[in-house]
Amino acid sequence: MQSKRRWRRVAVWSIAGLFCVPIAWYAIGRALASSDALRVVTLDPDPDERSTKFRERDPDLLRVGTYNIAHGRGNGAENWNGESAATRGDRLDRIAEFLTALDLDVVVLNEVDFDATWSHRVNQAAFLAEKCGYKYRIEQRNFDVSLPFYRWACGNAVLSRYPIQDARWIDLPGDAAWESALGGKKDACVCTLEAHNGTLVRVVPVHLSSRSEEVRTASVEALKGVADQGGPPLLLVGDFNSSPQGFPLTDPDKPSAVGMLTQDPRWHTLPEKVTSDADCTFSSTEPKQVIDWIFVPRPWQLVSRQVYPIDLSDHRPVLGVVRMTDREPGTAGLAPFDQ
């Protein structure tokens, strides 16, 4: 009898161990991940190179880009699409070529993989920064899950020509509490840059919920709260997954997150209306929505906005030229890109 009881206890503890060990592993991985969730990276800047590059530029202009790169998977729907490391690497090379041609001062990237199994454990922010020549970057790991033989780490990145003085986390609402606890959620951060004319500018990489307008509007309230605290001019840039009322595929009777910002006198953006599919940013192959935005703080102006019809992601990239003064906006040429 005692022998049976002993073996019964051994069996119970063995089964419990099968559950507890993975849970403990996961908890430790999440704790370690949270300590490295927001990184500011500087790669040996050359002051002479920087001053030479911008000698001929209008010091009041800032070229800002936003691109949801969809984990480097292209315009397909699945991250686990069976692509080889070489195929996905080639696509990242093409994205780098495109960004280099645009000659952006600041670019916000969404759905960036940092060390994900499905994208062959490549830090895509580091890869693009090196290929495009950006000496400064922010890496924000919004989702970070580490298990034996599996890693999922992705979020936002900011690549900058200009020094990044600091960065801090912005806590945003999540779609579900259990999801946020297990894997993370779409938070934001605010980073302060010193532009080439000495102007301080804050940039917030934004990637809002794709499932709930209520979560998106609550997130915008949190972002407006950051602006309420004062500080250097605040740009909101990225994939908002939202459009103002009256834009394609919107509910005319339901307030939207982006609609809240377009009605806030503190910011200015383009387009004010959709005149053709060329204004739309999603999807890249059948553009019907404007969900990727650059919000500029007044009295600064968004001088021009251009959407590029390329299909290296399911989103189309957007370039905005920002005039960082309250003078009348002039003209600013857009860098060509050979598709």
C-alpha atoms as a PDB file:
ATOM      1  CA  MET A   1       0.000   0.000   0.000  1.00  0.00           C
ATOM      2  CA  GLN A   2       2.771   2.431   0.968  1.00  0.00           C
ATOM      3  CA  SER A   3       4.572   1.617  -2.267  1.00  0.00           C
ATOM      4  CA  LYS A   4       1.452   2.485  -4.294  1.00  0.00           C
ATOM      5  CA  ARG A   5       1.057   5.764  -2.423  1.00  0.00           C
ATOM      6  CA  ARG A   6       4.700   6.612  -3.000  1.00  0.00           C
ATOM      7  CA  TRP A   7       4.435   5.973  -6.733  1.00  0.00           C
ATOM      8  CA  ARG A   8       1.193   7.942  -6.852  1.00  0.00           C
ATOM      9  CA  ARG A   9       2.974  10.937  -5.283  1.00  0.00           C
ATOM     10  CA  VAL A  10       5.854  10.562  -7.723  1.00  0.00           C
ATOM     11  CA  ALA A  11       3.404  10.535 -10.642  1.00  0.00           C
ATOM     12  CA  VAL A  12       1.562  13.623  -9.361  1.00  0.00           C
ATOM     13  CA  TRP A  13       4.787  15.578  -8.858  1.00  0.00           C
ATOM     14  CA  SER A  14       6.091  14.479 -12.249  1.00  0.00           C
ATOM     15  CA  ILE A  15       2.946  15.698 -13.995  1.00  0.00           C
ATOM     16  CA  ALA A  16       3.080  18.953 -12.033  1.00  0.00           C
ATOM     17  CA  GLY A  17       6.697  19.381 -13.095  1.00  0.00           C
ATOM     18  CA  LEU A  18       5.777  18.978 -16.741  1.00  0.00           C
ATOM     19  CA  PHE A  19       3.521  22.016 -16.389  1.00  0.00           C
ATOM     20  CA  CYS A  20       5.608  24.072 -13.949  1.00  0.00           C
ATOM     21  CA  VAL A  21       8.941  23.931 -15.783  1.00  0.00           C
ATOM     22  CA  PRO A  22       7.636  25.535 -19.023  1.00  0.00           C
ATOM     23  CA  ILE A  23       5.672  28.099 -17.003  1.00  0.00           C
ATOM     24  CA  ALA A  24       8.757  28.996 -14.980  1.00  0.00           C
ATOM     25  CA  TRP A  25      10.844  29.175 -18.156  1.00  0.00           C
ATOM     26  CA  TYR A  26       8.279  31.468 -19.738  1.00  0.00           C
ATOM     27  CA  ALA A  27       8.026  33.705 -16.648  1.00  0.00           C
ATOM     28  CA  ILE A  28      11.805  34.086 -16.475  1.00  0.00           C
ATOM     29  CA  GLY A  29      11.946  34.864 -20.202  1.00  0.00           C
ATOM     30  CA  ARG A  30       9.252  37.527 -19.884  1.00  0.00           C
ATOM     31  CA  ALA A  31      11.034  39.112 -16.911  1.00  0.00           C
ATOM     32  CA  LEU A  32      14.353  39.247 -18.760  1.00  0.00           C
ATOM     33  CA  ALA A  33      12.660  40.602 -21.892  1.00  0.00           C
ATOM     34  CA  SER A  34      11.027  43.471 -19.999  1.00  0.00           C
ATOM     35  CA  SER A  35      14.436  44.747 -18.874  1.00  0.00           C
ATOM     36  CA  ASP A  36      15.484  45.249 -22.515  1.00  0.00           C
ATOM     37  CA  ALA A  37      12.157  46.375 -23.977  1.00  0.00           C
ATOM     38  CA  LEU A  38      13.275  49.908 -24.942  1.00  0.00           C
ATOM     39  CA  ARG A  39      16.784  50.491 -26.271  1.00  0.00           C
ATOM     40  CA  VAL A  40      18.552  53.576 -27.600  1.00  0.00           C
ATOM     41  CA  VAL A  41      21.399  52.544 -29.907  1.00  0.00           C
ATOM     42  CA  THR A  42      24.180  54.834 -31.172  1.00  0.00           C
ATOM     43  CA  LEU A  43      26.709  53.613 -33.745  1.00  0.00           C
ATOM     44  CA  ASP A  44      29.924  55.661 -33.612  1.00  0.00           C
ATOM     45  CA  PRO A  45      28.654  58.884 -35.228  1.00  0.00           C
ATOM     46  CA  ASP A  46      31.081  60.991 -37.260  1.00  0.00           C
ATOM     47  CA  PRO A  47      30.360  64.724 -36.615  1.00  0.00           C
ATOM     48  CA  ASP A  48      32.221  65.804 -39.762  1.00  0.00           C
ATOM     49  CA  GLU A  49      30.214  63.390 -41.921  1.00  0.00           C
ATOM     50  CA  ARG A  50      26.962  64.687 -40.428  1.00  0.00           C
ATOM     51  CA  SER A  51      27.784  68.362 -40.960  1.00  0.00           C
ATOM     52  CA  THR A  52      28.855  67.713 -44.561  1.00  0.00           C
ATOM     53  CA  LYS A  53      25.719  65.763 -45.421  1.00  0.00           C
ATOM     54  CA  PHE A  54      23.345  68.541 -44.359  1.00  0.00           C
ATOM     55  CA  ARG A  55      25.402  71.533 -45.475  1.00  0.00           C
ATOM     56  CA  GLU A  56      23.232  72.107 -48.550  1.00  0.00           C
ATOM     57  CA  ARG A  57      19.886  71.355 -46.865  1.00  0.00           C
ATOM     58  CA  ASP A  58      17.217  73.774 -45.755  1.00  0.00           C
ATOM     59  CA  PRO A  59      17.747  73.645 -41.964  1.00  0.00           C
ATOM     60  CA  ASP A  60      14.021  74.123 -41.350  1.00  0.00           C
ATOM     61  CA  LEU A  61      12.946  70.979 -43.209  1.00  0.00           C
ATOM     62  CA  LEU A  62      12.586  67.522 -41.720  1.00  0.00           C
ATOM     63  CA  ARG A  63      11.982  64.504 -43.950  1.00  0.00           C
ATOM     64  CA  VAL A  64       9.883  61.975 -42.018  1.00  0.00           C
ATOM     65  CA  GLY A  65       8.817  58.527 -43.172  1.00  0.00           C
ATOM     66  CA  THR A  66       6.529  55.831 -41.811  1.00  0.00           C
ATOM     67  CA  TYR A  67       6.451  52.222 -42.952  1.00  0.00           C
ATOM     68  CA  ASN A  68       4.806  49.135 -41.474  1.00  0.00           C
ATOM     69  CA  ILE A  69       7.206  46.492 -42.815  1.00  0.00           C
ATOM     70  CA  ALA A  70       5.019  43.516 -41.761  1.00  0.00           C
ATOM     71  CA  HIS A  71       7.903  41.535 -40.225  1.00  0.00           C
ATOM     72  CA  GLY A  72       9.606  41.451 -43.618  1.00  0.00           C
ATOM     73  CA  ARG A  73       7.110  38.878 -44.906  1.00  0.00           C
ATOM     74  CA  GLY A  74       5.958  40.937 -47.905  1.00  0.00           C
ATOM     75  CA  ASN A  75       2.286  41.475 -48.703  1.00  0.00           C
ATOM     76  CA  GLY A  76       1.176  37.992 -47.655  1.00  0.00           C
ATOM     77  CA  ALA A  77      -1.049  37.358 -44.672  1.00  0.00           C
ATOM     78  CA  GLU A  78       1.050  34.762 -42.813  1.00  0.00           C
ATOM     79  CA  ASN A  79       4.300  35.286 -40.929  1.00  0.00           C
ATOM     80  CA  TRP A  80       4.901  31.528 -41.009  1.00  0.00           C
ATOM     81  CA  ASN A  81       5.007  31.460 -44.801  1.00  0.00           C
ATOM     82  CA  GLY A  82       7.911  29.049 -45.237  1.00  0.00           C
ATOM     83  CA  GLU A  83      10.254  31.586 -46.784  1.00  0.00           C
ATOM     84  CA  SER A  84      13.945  30.909 -46.575  1.00  0.00           C
ATOM     85  CA  ALA A  85      16.330  33.228 -44.758  1.00  0.00           C
ATOM     86  CA  ALA A  86      17.755  34.227 -48.136  1.00  0.00           C
ATOM     87  CA  THR A  87      14.342  35.199 -49.535  1.00  0.00           C
ATOM     88  CA  ARG A  88      13.396  37.285 -46.538  1.00  0.00           C
ATOM     89  CA  GLY A  89      16.876  38.799 -46.448  1.00  0.00           C
ATOM     90  CA  ASP A  90      16.538  39.821 -50.077  1.00  0.00           C
ATOM     91  CA  ARG A  91      13.263  41.608 -49.265  1.00  0.00           C
ATOM     92  CA  LEU A  92      14.914  43.460 -46.391  1.00  0.00           C
ATOM     93  CA  ASP A  93      17.676  44.487 -48.793  1.00  0.00           C
ATOM     94  CA  ARG A  94      15.042  45.926 -51.129  1.00  0.00           C
ATOM     95  CA  ILE A  95      13.364  47.788 -48.246  1.00  0.00           C
ATOM     96  CA  ALA A  96      16.779  49.210 -47.313  1.00  0.00           C
ATOM     97  CA  GLU A  97      17.361  50.284 -50.910  1.00  0.00           C
ATOM     98  CA  PHE A  98      14.003  52.023 -50.949  1.00  0.00           C
ATOM     99  CA  LEU A  99      14.561  53.852 -47.648  1.00  0.00           C
ATOM    100  CA  THR A 100      18.037  54.915 -48.715  1.00  0.00           C
ATOM    101  CA  ALA A 101      16.627  56.422 -51.922  1.00  0.00           C
ATOM    102  CA  LEU A 102      14.143  58.502 -49.924  1.00  0.00           C
ATOM    103  CA  ASP A 103      16.997  60.007 -47.853  1.00  0.00           C
ATOM    104  CA  LEU A 104      14.817  60.374 -44.758  1.00  0.00           C
ATOM    105  CA  ASP A 105      15.954  62.191 -41.633  1.00  0.00           C
ATOM    106  CA  VAL A 106      13.667  60.081 -39.426  1.00  0.00           C
ATOM    107  CA  VAL A 107      11.771  56.911 -40.252  1.00  0.00           C
ATOM    108  CA  VAL A 108       9.256  55.134 -38.024  1.00  0.00           C
ATOM    109  CA  LEU A 109       8.943  51.400 -38.626  1.00  0.00           C
ATOM    110  CA  ASN A 110       6.112  49.203 -37.336  1.00  0.00           C
ATOM    111  CA  GLU A 111       5.920  45.396 -37.089  1.00  0.00           C
ATOM    112  CA  VAL A 112       9.693  45.101 -36.839  1.00  0.00           C
ATOM    113  CA  ASP A 113      11.156  41.759 -35.770  1.00  0.00           C
ATOM    114  CA  PHE A 114      14.107  41.861 -33.391  1.00  0.00           C
ATOM    115  CA  ASP A 115      14.819  38.193 -32.757  1.00  0.00           C
ATOM    116  CA  ALA A 116      11.880  36.203 -34.071  1.00  0.00           C
ATOM    117  CA  THR A 117      12.005  32.569 -35.096  1.00  0.00           C
ATOM    118  CA  TRP A 118       9.641  33.045 -38.046  1.00  0.00           C
ATOM    119  CA  SER A 119      11.979  35.674 -39.584  1.00  0.00           C
ATOM    120  CA  HIS A 120      15.141  33.641 -38.963  1.00  0.00           C
ATOM    121  CA  ARG A 121      16.270  35.499 -35.804  1.00  0.00           C
ATOM    122  CA  VAL A 122      17.271  38.719 -37.597  1.00  0.00           C
ATOM    123  CA  ASN A 123      17.188  42.061 -35.788  1.00  0.00           C
ATOM    124  CA  GLN A 124      15.499  43.914 -38.638  1.00  0.00           C
ATOM    125  CA  ALA A 125      15.948  47.353 -37.054  1.00  0.00           C
ATOM    126  CA  ALA A 126      19.701  46.816 -36.783  1.00  0.00           C
ATOM    127  CA  PHE A 127      19.849  45.386 -40.297  1.00  0.00           C
ATOM    128  CA  LEU A 128      18.024  48.353 -41.873  1.00  0.00           C
ATOM    129  CA  ALA A 129      19.899  50.930 -39.799  1.00  0.00           C
ATOM    130  CA  GLU A 130      23.238  49.540 -40.949  1.00  0.00           C
ATOM    131  CA  LYS A 131      22.205  49.178 -44.594  1.00  0.00           C
ATOM    132  CA  CYS A 132      20.709  52.690 -44.739  1.00  0.00           C
ATOM    133  CA  GLY A 133      23.455  54.403 -42.765  1.00  0.00           C
ATOM    134  CA  TYR A 134      21.442  55.465 -39.717  1.00  0.00           C
ATOM    135  CA  LYS A 135      23.737  55.961 -36.723  1.00  0.00           C
ATOM    136  CA  TYR A 136      20.921  56.364 -34.188  1.00  0.00           C
ATOM    137  CA  ARG A 137      17.906  54.178 -33.528  1.00  0.00           C
ATOM    138  CA  ILE A 138      15.239  53.216 -31.009  1.00  0.00           C
ATOM    139  CA  GLU A 139      14.126  49.605 -30.565  1.00  0.00           C
ATOM    140  CA  GLN A 140      10.835  49.058 -28.755  1.00  0.00           C
ATOM    141  CA  ARG A 141       9.922  45.433 -28.108  1.00  0.00           C
ATOM    142  CA  ASN A 142       6.182  45.465 -27.544  1.00  0.00           C
ATOM    143  CA  PHE A 143       5.821  41.689 -27.835  1.00  0.00           C
ATOM    144  CA  ASP A 144       8.516  39.403 -26.483  1.00  0.00           C
ATOM    145  CA  VAL A 145       7.957  35.701 -25.858  1.00  0.00           C
ATOM    146  CA  SER A 146      10.812  33.265 -25.331  1.00  0.00           C
ATOM    147  CA  LEU A 147      10.324  29.486 -25.165  1.00  0.00           C
ATOM    148  CA  PRO A 148      12.621  26.556 -25.879  1.00  0.00           C
ATOM    149  CA  PHE A 149      13.295  26.560 -29.640  1.00  0.00           C
ATOM    150  CA  TYR A 150      10.970  29.546 -30.196  1.00  0.00           C
ATOM    151  CA  ARG A 151      11.307  33.338 -29.899  1.00  0.00           C
ATOM    152  CA  TRP A 152       8.790  36.034 -30.811  1.00  0.00           C
ATOM    153  CA  ALA A 153      10.085  39.589 -30.413  1.00  0.00           C
ATOM    154  CA  CYS A 154       8.673  42.483 -32.388  1.00  0.00           C
ATOM    155  CA  GLY A 155       7.487  46.072 -32.095  1.00  0.00           C
ATOM    156  CA  ASN A 156       8.431  49.568 -33.249  1.00  0.00           C
ATOM    157  CA  ALA A 157      11.683  51.157 -34.351  1.00  0.00           C
ATOM    158  CA  VAL A 158      12.829  54.706 -35.050  1.00  0.00           C
ATOM    159  CA  LEU A 159      15.841  55.232 -37.328  1.00  0.00           C
ATOM    160  CA  SER A 160      17.366  58.698 -37.133  1.00  0.00           C
ATOM    161  CA  ARG A 161      20.074  60.763 -38.798  1.00  0.00           C
ATOM    162  CA  TYR A 162      20.113  62.906 -35.675  1.00  0.00           C
ATOM    163  CA  PRO A 163      21.251  62.196 -32.123  1.00  0.00           C
ATOM    164  CA  ILE A 164      18.592  60.701 -29.861  1.00  0.00           C
ATOM    165  CA  GLN A 165      18.848  62.406 -26.488  1.00  0.00           C
ATOM    166  CA  ASP A 166      16.460  60.171 -24.587  1.00  0.00           C
ATOM    167  CA  ALA A 167      13.471  57.845 -24.857  1.00  0.00           C
ATOM    168  CA  ARG A 168      10.737  56.773 -22.482  1.00  0.00           C
ATOM    169  CA  TRP A 169       7.917  54.257 -22.582  1.00  0.00           C
ATOM    170  CA  ILE A 170       4.264  55.245 -23.150  1.00  0.00           C
ATOM    171  CA  ASP A 171       1.777  52.782 -21.698  1.00  0.00           C
ATOM    172  CA  LEU A 172      -1.292  52.331 -23.925  1.00  0.00           C
ATOM    173  CA  PRO A 173      -4.451  50.235 -23.450  1.00  0.00           C
ATOM    174  CA  GLY A 174      -4.414  46.644 -24.665  1.00  0.00           C
ATOM    175  CA  ASP A 175      -7.048  44.586 -26.432  1.00  0.00           C
ATOM    176  CA  ALA A 176      -7.279  42.064 -23.566  1.00  0.00           C
ATOM    177  CA  ALA A 177      -5.625  41.894 -20.164  1.00  0.00           C
ATOM    178  CA  TRP A 178      -4.633  38.239 -20.528  1.00  0.00           C
ATOM    179  CA  GLU A 179      -2.989  38.900 -23.911  1.00  0.00           C
ATOM    180  CA  SER A 180      -1.022  41.823 -22.496  1.00  0.00           C
ATOM    181  CA  ALA A 181       0.170  39.738 -19.558  1.00  0.00           C
ATOM    182  CA  LEU A 182       1.188  36.737 -21.656  1.00  0.00           C
ATOM    183  CA  GLY A 183       2.812  38.366 -24.668  1.00  0.00           C
ATOM    184  CA  GLY A 184       2.689  42.166 -24.512  1.00  0.00           C
ATOM    185  CA  LYS A 185       0.660  44.860 -26.248  1.00  0.00           C
ATOM    186  CA  LYS A 186       0.963  47.754 -28.676  1.00  0.00           C
ATOM    187  CA  ASP A 187       2.537  50.432 -26.517  1.00  0.00           C
ATOM    188  CA  ALA A 188       4.384  53.513 -27.773  1.00  0.00           C
ATOM    189  CA  CYS A 189       7.425  55.508 -26.719  1.00  0.00           C
ATOM    190  CA  VAL A 190       8.574  59.103 -27.082  1.00  0.00           C
ATOM    191  CA  CYS A 191      12.123  59.931 -28.150  1.00  0.00           C
ATOM    192  CA  THR A 192      13.762  63.351 -28.279  1.00  0.00           C
ATOM    193  CA  LEU A 193      15.991  64.168 -31.269  1.00  0.00           C
ATOM    194  CA  GLU A 194      18.281  67.104 -31.959  1.00  0.00           C
ATOM    195  CA  ALA A 195      17.682  68.147 -35.571  1.00  0.00           C
ATOM    196  CA  HIS A 196      20.396  69.636 -37.800  1.00  0.00           C
ATOM    197  CA  ASN A 197      19.362  73.221 -36.972  1.00  0.00           C
ATOM    198  CA  GLY A 198      19.584  72.525 -33.247  1.00  0.00           C
ATOM    199  CA  THR A 199      15.817  72.203 -32.861  1.00  0.00           C
ATOM    200  CA  LEU A 200      14.618  69.595 -30.399  1.00  0.00           C
ATOM    201  CA  VAL A 201      11.791  67.442 -31.691  1.00  0.00           C
ATOM    202  CA  ARG A 202       9.975  64.542 -30.065  1.00  0.00           C
ATOM    203  CA  VAL A 203       8.838  61.589 -32.179  1.00  0.00           C
ATOM    204  CA  VAL A 204       6.282  58.992 -31.061  1.00  0.00           C
ATOM    205  CA  PRO A 205       6.228  55.730 -33.062  1.00  0.00           C
ATOM    206  CA  VAL A 206       2.553  54.727 -33.119  1.00  0.00           C
ATOM    207  CA  HIS A 207       1.036  51.322 -33.853  1.00  0.00           C
ATOM    208  CA  LEU A 208      -2.516  51.086 -32.556  1.00  0.00           C
ATOM    209  CA  SER A 209      -4.859  48.130 -32.173  1.00  0.00           C
ATOM    210  CA  SER A 210      -6.078  46.515 -35.372  1.00  0.00           C
ATOM    211  CA  ARG A 211      -9.177  45.080 -33.670  1.00  0.00           C
ATOM    212  CA  SER A 212     -10.913  47.768 -31.634  1.00  0.00           C
ATOM    213  CA  GLU A 213     -11.702  51.421 -32.329  1.00  0.00           C
ATOM    214  CA  GLU A 214     -12.473  51.828 -28.624  1.00  0.00           C
ATOM    215  CA  VAL A 215      -8.932  50.729 -27.735  1.00  0.00           C
ATOM    216  CA  ARG A 216      -7.559  53.037 -30.424  1.00  0.00           C
ATOM    217  CA  THR A 217      -9.487  56.073 -29.166  1.00  0.00           C
ATOM    218  CA  ALA A 218      -8.373  55.349 -25.591  1.00  0.00           C
ATOM    219  CA  SER A 219      -4.794  55.116 -26.881  1.00  0.00           C
ATOM    220  CA  VAL A 220      -5.097  58.503 -28.578  1.00  0.00           C
ATOM    221  CA  GLU A 221      -6.306  59.989 -25.302  1.00  0.00           C
ATOM    222  CA  ALA A 222      -3.102  58.672 -23.706  1.00  0.00           C
ATOM    223  CA  LEU A 223      -0.985  60.192 -26.496  1.00  0.00           C
ATOM    224  CA  LYS A 224      -2.745  63.525 -26.092  1.00  0.00           C
ATOM    225  CA  GLY A 225      -1.901  63.285 -22.404  1.00  0.00           C
ATOM    226  CA  VAL A 226       1.795  63.160 -23.319  1.00  0.00           C
ATOM    227  CA  ALA A 227       1.372  66.403 -25.274  1.00  0.00           C
ATOM    228  CA  ASP A 228      -0.467  67.952 -22.315  1.00  0.00           C
ATOM    229  CA  GLN A 229       2.676  67.542 -20.213  1.00  0.00           C
ATOM    230  CA  GLY A 230       4.563  70.052 -22.378  1.00  0.00           C
ATOM    231  CA  GLY A 231       7.998  69.781 -23.925  1.00  0.00           C
ATOM    232  CA  PRO A 232       9.496  70.029 -27.426  1.00  0.00           C
ATOM    233  CA  PRO A 233       7.179  69.732 -30.471  1.00  0.00           C
ATOM    234  CA  LEU A 234       5.583  66.285 -30.649  1.00  0.00           C
ATOM    235  CA  LEU A 235       5.186  64.297 -33.895  1.00  0.00           C
ATOM    236  CA  LEU A 236       2.857  61.276 -33.920  1.00  0.00           C
ATOM    237  CA  VAL A 237       3.916  58.906 -36.691  1.00  0.00           C
ATOM    238  CA  GLY A 238       2.991  55.390 -37.707  1.00  0.00           C
ATOM    239  CA  ASP A 239       0.224  52.865 -38.306  1.00  0.00           C
ATOM    240  CA  PHE A 240      -2.905  54.091 -36.500  1.00  0.00           C
ATOM    241  CA  ASN A 241      -5.238  51.455 -38.034  1.00  0.00           C
ATOM    242  CA  SER A 242      -7.788  54.272 -38.174  1.00  0.00           C
ATOM    243  CA  SER A 243      -9.173  56.942 -40.504  1.00  0.00           C
ATOM    244  CA  PRO A 244     -11.323  60.035 -39.905  1.00  0.00           C
ATOM    245  CA  GLN A 245     -15.055  59.848 -40.482  1.00  0.00           C
ATOM    246  CA  GLY A 246     -15.876  60.304 -44.144  1.00  0.00           C
ATOM    247  CA  PHE A 247     -12.767  58.441 -45.334  1.00  0.00           C
ATOM    248  CA  PRO A 248     -13.139  55.104 -47.170  1.00  0.00           C
ATOM    249  CA  LEU A 249     -14.335  52.137 -45.101  1.00  0.00           C
ATOM    250  CA  THR A 250     -15.216  54.197 -42.018  1.00  0.00           C
ATOM    251  CA  ASP A 251     -18.397  54.284 -39.970  1.00  0.00           C
ATOM    252  CA  PRO A 252     -20.005  57.731 -40.403  1.00  0.00           C
ATOM    253  CA  ASP A 253     -21.742  57.406 -37.022  1.00  0.00           C
ATOM    254  CA  LYS A 254     -18.755  56.225 -34.966  1.00  0.00           C
ATOM    255  CA  PRO A 255     -15.933  58.455 -33.653  1.00  0.00           C
ATOM    256  CA  SER A 256     -12.454  57.361 -34.661  1.00  0.00           C
ATOM    257  CA  ALA A 257      -9.017  57.671 -33.128  1.00  0.00           C
ATOM    258  CA  VAL A 258      -7.543  59.572 -36.061  1.00  0.00           C
ATOM    259  CA  GLY A 259     -10.693  61.700 -36.245  1.00  0.00           C
ATOM    260  CA  MET A 260      -9.972  62.827 -32.680  1.00  0.00           C
ATOM    261  CA  LEU A 261      -6.508  63.993 -33.725  1.00  0.00           C
ATOM    262  CA  THR A 262      -7.642  65.753 -36.912  1.00  0.00           C
ATOM    263  CA  GLN A 263     -10.084  67.744 -34.779  1.00  0.00           C
ATOM    264  CA  ASP A 264      -7.395  68.663 -32.230  1.00  0.00           C
ATOM    265  CA  PRO A 265      -5.992  72.130 -33.118  1.00  0.00           C
ATOM    266  CA  ARG A 266      -2.543  71.143 -31.840  1.00  0.00           C
ATOM    267  CA  TRP A 267      -1.784  68.943 -34.861  1.00  0.00           C
ATOM    268  CA  HIS A 268      -1.861  69.139 -38.625  1.00  0.00           C
ATOM    269  CA  THR A 269      -1.816  66.270 -41.127  1.00  0.00           C
ATOM    270  CA  LEU A 270      -2.478  65.272 -44.728  1.00  0.00           C
ATOM    271  CA  PRO A 271      -4.534  64.203 -46.595  1.00  0.00           C
ATOM    272  CA  GLU A 272      -7.588  66.163 -45.591  1.00  0.00           C
ATOM    273  CA  LYS A 273      -9.665  64.022 -47.935  1.00  0.00           C
ATOM    274  CA  VAL A 274      -9.134  61.053 -50.247  1.00  0.00           C
ATOM    275  CA  THR A 275      -9.195  61.962 -53.924  1.00  0.00           C
ATOM    276  CA  SER A 276      -7.982  58.620 -55.315  1.00  0.00           C
ATOM    277  CA  ASP A 277      -6.558  55.241 -54.338  1.00  0.00           C
ATOM    278  CA  ALA A 278      -3.110  56.846 -54.623  1.00  0.00           C
ATOM    279  CA  ASP A 279      -3.787  58.578 -51.271  1.00  0.00           C
ATOM    280  CA  CYS A 280      -4.386  55.232 -49.538  1.00  0.00           C
ATOM    281  CA  THR A 281      -1.779  53.274 -47.591  1.00  0.00           C
ATOM    282  CA  PHE A 282      -3.465  49.887 -47.071  1.00  0.00           C
ATOM    283  CA  SER A 283      -3.334  47.434 -48.590  1.00  0.00           C
ATOM    284  CA  SER A 284      -0.285  47.716 -50.826  1.00  0.00           C
ATOM    285  CA  THR A 285      -1.905  45.763 -53.656  1.00  0.00           C
ATOM    286  CA  GLU A 286      -5.518  46.967 -53.249  1.00  0.00           C
ATOM    287  CA  PRO A 287      -5.227  50.386 -51.562  1.00  0.00           C
ATOM    288  CA  LYS A 288      -8.590  51.337 -50.049  1.00  0.00           C
ATOM    289  CA  GLN A 289      -7.752  52.857 -46.631  1.00  0.00           C
ATOM    290  CA  VAL A 290      -5.612  55.620 -45.162  1.00  0.00           C
ATOM    291  CA  ILE A 291      -4.332  54.231 -41.858  1.00  0.00           C
ATOM    292  CA  ASP A 292      -0.652  55.321 -41.816  1.00  0.00           C
ATOM    293  CA  TRP A 293      -0.258  58.919 -40.678  1.00  0.00           C
ATOM    294  CA  ILE A 294       2.184  61.710 -39.877  1.00  0.00           C
ATOM    295  CA  PHE A 295       0.755  64.224 -37.391  1.00  0.00           C
ATOM    296  CA  VAL A 296       2.781  67.438 -37.148  1.00  0.00           C
ATOM    297  CA  PRO A 297       2.508  69.861 -34.202  1.00  0.00           C
ATOM    298  CA  ARG A 298       1.343  73.380 -35.053  1.00  0.00           C
ATOM    299  CA  PRO A 299       2.609  75.887 -36.012  1.00  0.00           C
ATOM    300  CA  TRP A 300       4.846  73.463 -37.946  1.00  0.00           C
ATOM    301  CA  GLN A 301       3.448  72.364 -41.292  1.00  0.00           C
ATOM    302  CA  LEU A 302       3.369  69.165 -43.280  1.00  0.00           C
ATOM    303  CA  VAL A 303       4.543  70.706 -46.541  1.00  0.00           C
ATOM    304  CA  SER A 304       4.011  67.602 -48.646  1.00  0.00           C
ATOM    305  CA  ARG A 305       2.975  63.964 -48.360  1.00  0.00           C
ATOM    306  CA  GLN A 306       3.630  61.132 -50.776  1.00  0.00           C
ATOM    307  CA  VAL A 307       2.558  57.492 -50.725  1.00  0.00           C
ATOM    308  CA  TYR A 308       4.748  55.049 -52.638  1.00  0.00           C
ATOM    309  CA  PRO A 309       3.039  52.185 -54.552  1.00  0.00           C
ATOM    310  CA  ILE A 310       5.412  49.356 -53.671  1.00  0.00           C
ATOM    311  CA  ASP A 311       4.473  45.896 -52.386  1.00  0.00           C
ATOM    312  CA  LEU A 312       7.382  44.990 -50.099  1.00  0.00           C
ATOM    313  CA  SER A 313       4.825  44.898 -47.253  1.00  0.00           C
ATOM    314  CA  ASP A 314       1.040  44.842 -46.949  1.00  0.00           C
ATOM    315  CA  HIS A 315       1.248  48.591 -46.190  1.00  0.00           C
ATOM    316  CA  ARG A 316       2.507  51.347 -48.461  1.00  0.00           C
ATOM    317  CA  PRO A 317       5.192  53.670 -47.084  1.00  0.00           C
ATOM    318  CA  VAL A 318       4.561  57.402 -46.590  1.00  0.00           C
ATOM    319  CA  LEU A 319       7.017  60.288 -46.835  1.00  0.00           C
ATOM    320  CA  GLY A 320       6.216  63.654 -45.286  1.00  0.00           C
ATOM    321  CA  VAL A 321       8.274  66.840 -45.502  1.00  0.00           C
ATOM    322  CA  VAL A 322       7.871  68.921 -42.356  1.00  0.00           C
ATOM    323  CA  ARG A 323       8.689  72.620 -42.085  1.00  0.00           C
ATOM    324  CA  MET A 324       9.806  73.237 -38.515  1.00  0.00           C
ATOM    325  CA  THR A 325       8.842  76.925 -38.400  1.00  0.00           C
ATOM    326  CA  ASP A 326       5.658  78.972 -38.579  1.00  0.00           C
ATOM    327  CA  ARG A 327       6.719  80.600 -41.874  1.00  0.00           C
ATOM    328  CA  GLU A 328       4.773  80.020 -45.064  1.00  0.00           C
ATOM    329  CA  PRO A 329       5.617  76.564 -46.403  1.00  0.00           C
ATOM    330  CA  GLY A 330       7.769  76.456 -49.493  1.00  0.00           C
ATOM    331  CA  THR A 331       8.538  73.585 -51.815  1.00  0.00           C
ATOM    332  CA  ALA A 332      10.512  70.472 -51.037  1.00  0.00           C
ATOM    333  CA  GLY A 333      11.555  67.947 -53.624  1.00  0.00           C
ATOM    334  CA  LEU A 334      10.816  64.272 -53.065  1.00  0.00           C
ATOM    335  CA  ALA A 335      13.545  61.729 -53.596  1.00  0.00           C
ATOM    336  CA  PRO A 336      12.878  59.495 -56.621  1.00  0.00           C
ATOM    337  CA  PHE A 337      12.603  55.748 -56.314  1.00  0.00           C
ATOM    338  CA  ASP A 338      12.866  53.366 -59.239  1.00  0.00           C
ATOM    339  CA  GLN A 339      10.245  50.708 -58.704  1.00  0.00           C
END
